[in-house]
Amino acid sequence: MDRKILQDLAEQLEIIPTTLCYYQQALTHSSFAHEHNLGSNAHNERLEFLGDAVLELAVSESLYLRFPDFPEGKLTRFRAVLVCEESLSLLANQLCLGACLRLGKGEAASGGRQRPSLLADAFEALLGAVYLDLGFDPVRKVVEKQFAPLLDSLANGCLRHDYKTMMQEYCQAAFSTTPEYQIVSEHGPDHSKIFVAQLVLHGKVLGEGSGRSKKEAEQEAARQAYMFLTRKE
């Protein structure tokens, strides 16, 4: 990978990397790894797993300190808004992560550099790389800087929820229950699967959506269900 790409990204994050292979892996999609026979652990999915946990801790700490009077339930809802795919893909776009990614030819041709789920995953993987390379304190600083505008919007009550959170809150208030999600089908090769999810409430399918990840498919199913329910009000 071009060192200038990593250097520019490090400057945006205000970090000084010491182990560049972590960052290269964070920016490597499974489609690229499969296409170039790099091995099953050469792509960013394991780093995404780690980064997801590190991000949740950093955001939880930030919310805990910023909103000392908020109860646990409200902090949990705020965290869900901040770490949802929509928020993470927005931050990834601001870092121009799409242009930095190593994608397989098919994934790149199908718009992978703009796909929200892929960008959100890469953002989490990048935080995983920072954690492995430099520790938690630099991750905390990166999160504080990158999430500052979102936290300000959240404090002012103008940050949009993700649809899964909106559906959960709506169903709890209206029906005293929470919706269920079912992955009803998946097709395509392992590195480029399409998932189809359904949102089920009281045994009825209220929304169905597809996406490149289970999260993306569930978000679309939640969006359809939310639009359906609120349209009737």
Protein backbone atom coordinates (compact mmCIF):
# COMPACT_ATOMS: atom_id res chain seq x y z
CA MET A 1 0.00 0.00 0.00
CA ASP A 2 1.14 3.53 -0.81
CA ARG A 3 2.88 4.97 2.25
CA LYS A 4 1.53 8.42 1.41
CA ILE A 5 -2.03 7.15 1.87
CA LEU A 6 -1.18 5.91 5.35
CA GLN A 7 0.75 9.08 6.13
CA ASP A 8 -2.16 11.32 5.11
CA LEU A 9 -4.57 9.23 7.16
CA ALA A 10 -2.28 9.34 10.20
CA GLU A 11 -2.11 13.12 9.93
CA GLN A 12 -5.89 13.36 9.91
CA LEU A 13 -6.11 11.15 12.98
CA GLU A 14 -3.19 13.00 14.63
CA ILE A 15 -1.32 9.81 15.41
CA ILE A 16 2.21 8.57 14.74
CA PRO A 17 1.97 4.91 13.64
CA THR A 18 4.75 2.51 14.50
CA THR A 19 3.48 -0.76 12.99
CA LEU A 20 2.16 0.02 9.52
CA CYS A 21 0.98 -3.53 8.79
CA TYR A 22 -1.94 -3.06 11.19
CA TYR A 23 -3.23 -0.11 9.21
CA GLN A 24 -2.73 -1.85 5.89
CA GLN A 25 -4.78 -4.76 7.18
CA ALA A 26 -7.47 -2.38 8.46
CA LEU A 27 -7.85 -0.98 4.94
CA THR A 28 -7.89 -4.38 3.22
CA HIS A 29 -11.32 -5.77 2.35
CA SER A 30 -11.91 -9.50 2.19
CA SER A 31 -12.58 -9.25 -1.57
CA PHE A 32 -9.01 -7.99 -2.12
CA ALA A 33 -7.52 -10.65 0.15
CA HIS A 34 -9.40 -13.44 -1.64
CA GLU A 35 -8.58 -12.07 -5.08
CA HIS A 36 -4.87 -11.93 -4.31
CA ASN A 37 -4.69 -15.13 -2.24
CA LEU A 38 -3.40 -13.30 0.81
CA GLY A 39 -4.84 -15.76 3.31
CA SER A 40 -7.88 -15.87 5.55
CA ASN A 41 -6.52 -13.40 8.13
CA ALA A 42 -5.13 -10.77 5.77
CA HIS A 43 -8.32 -8.70 5.57
CA ASN A 44 -9.86 -6.37 8.14
CA GLU A 45 -12.66 -8.46 9.66
CA ARG A 46 -10.73 -9.46 12.79
CA LEU A 47 -9.62 -5.86 13.33
CA GLU A 48 -13.23 -4.76 12.85
CA PHE A 49 -14.22 -7.14 15.67
CA LEU A 50 -11.61 -5.59 17.96
CA GLY A 51 -12.32 -2.04 16.86
CA ASP A 52 -16.02 -2.45 17.55
CA ALA A 53 -15.29 -3.25 21.20
CA VAL A 54 -12.70 -0.49 21.57
CA LEU A 55 -15.04 2.05 19.98
CA GLU A 56 -17.90 1.10 22.28
CA LEU A 57 -15.69 1.58 25.35
CA ALA A 58 -14.32 4.93 24.14
CA VAL A 59 -17.76 6.27 23.25
CA SER A 60 -19.25 4.96 26.52
CA GLU A 61 -16.55 6.77 28.50
CA SER A 62 -17.08 9.98 26.55
CA LEU A 63 -20.85 9.90 27.11
CA TYR A 64 -20.43 9.03 30.79
CA LEU A 65 -18.20 12.05 31.38
CA ARG A 66 -20.08 14.47 29.13
CA PHE A 67 -23.57 13.75 30.47
CA PRO A 68 -23.12 13.10 34.23
CA ASP A 69 -26.85 13.42 35.01
CA PHE A 70 -28.16 11.02 32.37
CA PRO A 71 -29.42 7.56 33.44
CA GLU A 72 -28.05 4.34 32.02
CA GLY A 73 -30.92 3.88 29.57
CA LYS A 74 -30.44 7.25 27.92
CA LEU A 75 -26.68 6.79 27.71
CA THR A 76 -27.28 3.43 26.02
CA ARG A 77 -29.58 5.02 23.44
CA PHE A 78 -27.08 7.80 22.77
CA ARG A 79 -24.30 5.26 22.30
CA ALA A 80 -26.42 3.31 19.83
CA VAL A 81 -26.90 6.46 17.78
CA LEU A 82 -23.19 7.29 17.77
CA VAL A 83 -21.89 3.85 16.82
CA CYS A 84 -24.56 3.01 14.24
CA GLU A 85 -23.61 2.37 10.63
CA GLU A 86 -24.90 5.75 9.48
CA SER A 87 -22.69 7.68 11.91
CA LEU A 88 -19.61 5.57 11.30
CA SER A 89 -19.92 5.74 7.51
CA LEU A 90 -20.26 9.52 7.79
CA LEU A 91 -17.02 9.72 9.77
CA ALA A 92 -15.34 7.34 7.34
CA ASN A 93 -16.32 9.56 4.44
CA GLN A 94 -14.88 12.60 6.19
CA LEU A 95 -11.59 10.71 6.42
CA CYS A 96 -11.89 9.69 2.74
CA LEU A 97 -11.53 6.05 3.79
CA GLY A 98 -13.25 4.85 0.64
CA ALA A 99 -10.35 6.02 -1.48
CA CYS A 100 -7.87 4.32 0.87
CA LEU A 101 -9.42 0.86 0.80
CA ARG A 102 -7.93 -2.12 -0.97
CA LEU A 103 -10.90 -3.74 -2.70
CA GLY A 104 -11.29 -6.59 -5.14
CA LYS A 105 -12.13 -5.58 -8.69
CA GLY A 106 -15.74 -6.70 -8.41
CA GLU A 107 -16.32 -4.96 -5.10
CA ALA A 108 -14.78 -1.74 -6.40
CA ALA A 109 -16.80 -1.88 -9.61
CA SER A 110 -20.06 -2.36 -7.70
CA GLY A 111 -19.58 0.82 -5.65
CA GLY A 112 -17.86 -0.64 -2.61
CA ARG A 113 -15.96 2.57 -1.88
CA GLN A 114 -19.26 4.33 -1.23
CA ARG A 115 -21.08 1.49 0.54
CA PRO A 116 -22.01 2.56 4.11
CA SER A 117 -21.60 -0.88 5.68
CA LEU A 118 -18.15 -1.34 4.17
CA LEU A 119 -17.04 2.14 5.26
CA ALA A 120 -18.37 1.66 8.79
CA ASP A 121 -16.53 -1.65 9.08
CA ALA A 122 -13.31 -0.06 7.86
CA PHE A 123 -13.63 2.74 10.41
CA GLU A 124 -13.96 0.19 13.22
CA ALA A 125 -11.03 -1.80 11.85
CA LEU A 126 -8.94 1.35 11.76
CA LEU A 127 -9.62 1.97 15.45
CA GLY A 128 -8.64 -1.64 16.11
CA ALA A 129 -5.34 -0.97 14.34
CA VAL A 130 -4.70 2.17 16.41
CA TYR A 131 -5.40 0.21 19.59
CA LEU A 132 -3.02 -2.62 18.71
CA ASP A 133 -0.32 -0.22 17.60
CA LEU A 134 -0.52 2.55 20.18
CA GLY A 135 -2.92 1.55 22.96
CA PHE A 136 -6.21 2.88 24.27
CA ASP A 137 -5.25 6.50 25.05
CA PRO A 138 -4.62 7.37 21.37
CA VAL A 139 -7.91 5.64 20.46
CA ARG A 140 -9.67 7.80 23.04
CA LYS A 141 -8.18 10.95 21.49
CA VAL A 142 -9.12 9.87 17.97
CA VAL A 143 -12.69 9.15 19.06
CA GLU A 144 -12.98 12.45 20.95
CA LYS A 145 -11.87 14.38 17.87
CA GLN A 146 -13.81 12.47 15.24
CA PHE A 147 -17.03 12.25 17.24
CA ALA A 148 -16.99 15.81 18.59
CA PRO A 149 -19.47 17.20 15.99
CA LEU A 150 -21.79 14.23 16.50
CA LEU A 151 -21.65 14.63 20.27
CA ASP A 152 -22.48 18.32 19.92
CA SER A 153 -25.43 17.48 17.68
CA LEU A 154 -26.56 14.83 20.13
CA ALA A 155 -26.40 17.29 23.01
CA ASN A 156 -28.52 19.72 20.98
CA GLY A 157 -31.04 17.01 20.17
CA CYS A 158 -30.56 17.13 16.42
CA LEU A 159 -28.61 13.97 15.64
CA ARG A 160 -30.71 11.48 13.73
CA HIS A 161 -31.25 8.00 15.16
CA ASP A 162 -30.57 4.89 13.17
CA TYR A 163 -33.75 3.08 12.15
CA LYS A 164 -33.18 0.00 14.30
CA THR A 165 -32.98 2.21 17.38
CA MET A 166 -36.00 4.21 16.25
CA MET A 167 -38.02 1.01 15.73
CA GLN A 168 -37.01 -0.36 19.11
CA GLU A 169 -38.06 2.82 20.90
CA TYR A 170 -41.30 3.07 18.89
CA CYS A 171 -42.31 -0.55 19.56
CA GLN A 172 -41.50 -0.32 23.25
CA ALA A 173 -43.65 2.80 23.58
CA ALA A 174 -46.53 1.66 21.37
CA PHE A 175 -46.63 -2.10 21.95
CA SER A 176 -44.49 -2.75 25.07
CA THR A 177 -42.33 -5.13 23.07
CA THR A 178 -39.34 -5.10 20.76
CA PRO A 179 -39.17 -6.24 17.12
CA GLU A 180 -37.33 -9.31 15.96
CA TYR A 181 -35.03 -9.59 12.93
CA GLN A 182 -34.63 -12.68 10.81
CA ILE A 183 -32.08 -13.27 8.08
CA VAL A 184 -34.29 -15.13 5.59
CA SER A 185 -31.79 -15.62 2.77
CA GLU A 186 -28.26 -14.94 1.62
CA HIS A 187 -26.65 -15.41 -1.74
CA GLY A 188 -23.44 -14.65 -3.59
CA PRO A 189 -19.79 -15.58 -2.94
CA ASP A 190 -18.37 -15.32 0.58
CA HIS A 191 -16.59 -12.03 -0.12
CA SER A 192 -19.63 -10.39 -1.71
CA LYS A 193 -22.78 -11.81 -0.11
CA ILE A 194 -26.21 -10.21 -0.24
CA PHE A 195 -28.33 -10.72 2.87
CA VAL A 196 -32.12 -10.38 3.11
CA ALA A 197 -33.63 -9.54 6.50
CA GLN A 198 -37.19 -9.25 7.76
CA LEU A 199 -38.50 -7.32 10.73
CA VAL A 200 -41.18 -9.28 12.56
CA LEU A 201 -43.57 -7.87 15.15
CA HIS A 202 -46.22 -10.03 16.80
CA GLY A 203 -45.69 -12.67 14.16
CA LYS A 204 -46.18 -10.27 11.22
CA VAL A 205 -43.52 -9.19 8.74
CA LEU A 206 -43.56 -5.38 8.70
CA GLY A 207 -40.43 -4.73 6.68
CA GLU A 208 -37.91 -6.47 4.47
CA GLY A 209 -34.53 -5.22 3.34
CA SER A 210 -31.36 -6.40 1.66
CA GLY A 211 -27.74 -5.38 2.02
CA ARG A 212 -24.11 -6.39 1.83
CA SER A 213 -24.09 -7.16 5.54
CA LYS A 214 -26.64 -8.43 8.02
CA LYS A 215 -26.56 -5.03 9.75
CA GLU A 216 -27.29 -3.23 6.50
CA ALA A 217 -30.16 -5.57 5.64
CA GLU A 218 -31.67 -5.19 9.11
CA GLN A 219 -31.39 -1.40 8.92
CA GLU A 220 -33.30 -1.38 5.63
CA ALA A 221 -35.96 -3.71 7.04
CA ALA A 222 -36.28 -1.40 10.07
CA ARG A 223 -36.56 1.65 7.82
CA GLN A 224 -39.39 0.10 5.82
CA ALA A 225 -41.22 -1.00 8.95
CA TYR A 226 -40.82 2.39 10.60
CA MET A 227 -42.14 4.20 7.54
CA PHE A 228 -45.07 1.78 7.36
CA LEU A 229 -46.06 2.20 11.00
CA THR A 230 -45.62 5.96 11.24
CA ARG A 231 -47.40 6.55 7.93
CA LYS A 232 -50.55 5.14 9.53
CA GLU A 233 -50.50 7.60 12.41
